[in-house]
Amino acid sequence: MDSSESFIKTGIGKFTDKIIDSCVVEFSKKENKDKVYQTVVSPIIESITARFYPYIVTVSILYIVILSLICIILYLILKKK
């Protein structure tokens, strides 16, 4: 593929294709990937984790309680027989 040929064809125009291609090339570089990860991806993941942490803990506790109740009920049923 030569340099005049675009990687991505948007159908909008050559100028837009060149802009998108240059963005793809820049985001492919390791230092830019690291910068995007540190400034965008990591804070978003941390924020989501912080917001959902109470729900994850609550669901885990409920799961343990339900599993314990199932075991107790099964034990009581088998003990009757």
Protein backbone atom coordinates (compact mmCIF):
# COMPACT_ATOMS: atom_id res chain seq x y z
CA MET A 1 0.00 0.00 0.00
CA ASP A 2 1.67 3.26 -1.02
CA SER A 3 1.56 6.46 1.02
CA SER A 4 -0.89 8.22 -1.28
CA GLU A 5 -3.47 5.50 -0.73
CA SER A 6 -5.66 5.87 2.35
CA PHE A 7 -6.00 3.14 4.98
CA ILE A 8 -9.59 4.04 5.71
CA LYS A 9 -12.12 5.08 3.09
CA THR A 10 -14.86 7.18 4.65
CA GLY A 11 -16.59 8.23 1.47
CA ILE A 12 -16.56 11.82 2.71
CA GLY A 13 -13.44 12.97 0.92
CA LYS A 14 -9.68 12.74 0.57
CA PHE A 15 -9.07 15.42 3.18
CA THR A 16 -11.10 13.58 5.81
CA ASP A 17 -9.43 10.29 4.90
CA LYS A 18 -5.99 11.88 5.39
CA ILE A 19 -7.00 13.29 8.78
CA ILE A 20 -8.31 9.92 9.93
CA ASP A 21 -5.20 8.16 8.61
CA SER A 22 -2.90 10.57 10.44
CA CYS A 23 -4.91 10.06 13.65
CA VAL A 24 -4.63 6.28 13.26
CA VAL A 25 -0.88 6.55 12.74
CA GLU A 26 -0.45 8.83 15.76
CA PHE A 27 -2.58 6.63 18.03
CA SER A 28 -0.56 3.61 16.91
CA LYS A 29 2.61 5.01 18.48
CA LYS A 30 3.50 3.56 21.89
CA GLU A 31 4.01 6.89 23.67
CA ASN A 32 0.64 8.17 22.47
CA LYS A 33 -1.11 4.95 23.48
CA ASP A 34 0.43 5.27 26.94
CA LYS A 35 -0.59 8.94 27.20
CA VAL A 36 -4.19 8.18 26.18
CA TYR A 37 -4.32 5.25 28.60
CA GLN A 38 -2.99 7.32 31.52
CA THR A 39 -5.09 10.43 30.89
CA VAL A 40 -8.35 8.96 29.56
CA VAL A 41 -8.79 5.22 29.98
CA SER A 42 -7.35 4.77 33.47
CA PRO A 43 -9.38 7.60 35.10
CA ILE A 44 -12.58 6.32 33.47
CA ILE A 45 -11.95 2.79 34.73
CA GLU A 46 -11.14 4.08 38.22
CA SER A 47 -14.31 6.18 38.26
CA ILE A 48 -16.50 3.29 37.13
CA THR A 49 -14.90 0.97 39.67
CA ALA A 50 -15.42 3.48 42.46
CA ARG A 51 -19.08 3.97 41.54
CA PHE A 52 -19.92 0.28 41.17
CA TYR A 53 -17.89 -1.00 44.14
CA PRO A 54 -20.80 -0.80 46.65
CA TYR A 55 -23.08 -2.68 44.26
CA ILE A 56 -20.49 -5.39 43.64
CA VAL A 57 -20.01 -5.87 47.37
CA THR A 58 -23.77 -5.99 47.99
CA VAL A 59 -24.35 -8.53 45.22
CA SER A 60 -21.48 -10.66 46.51
CA ILE A 61 -22.88 -10.65 50.04
CA LEU A 62 -26.35 -11.53 48.76
CA TYR A 63 -24.89 -14.36 46.69
CA ILE A 64 -23.13 -15.79 49.75
CA VAL A 65 -26.31 -15.48 51.86
CA ILE A 66 -28.46 -17.18 49.21
CA LEU A 67 -25.91 -19.96 48.74
CA SER A 68 -25.77 -20.48 52.50
CA LEU A 69 -29.57 -20.63 52.72
CA ILE A 70 -29.72 -23.16 49.89
CA CYS A 71 -27.19 -25.36 51.69
CA ILE A 72 -29.12 -25.11 54.96
CA ILE A 73 -32.43 -25.92 53.25
CA LEU A 74 -30.89 -28.90 51.46
CA TYR A 75 -29.43 -30.14 54.75
CA LEU A 76 -32.80 -29.82 56.50
CA ILE A 77 -34.61 -31.60 53.67
CA LEU A 78 -32.11 -34.46 53.61
CA LYS A 79 -32.12 -34.69 57.41
CA LYS A 80 -35.93 -35.22 57.46
CA LYS A 81 -35.69 -38.28 55.22
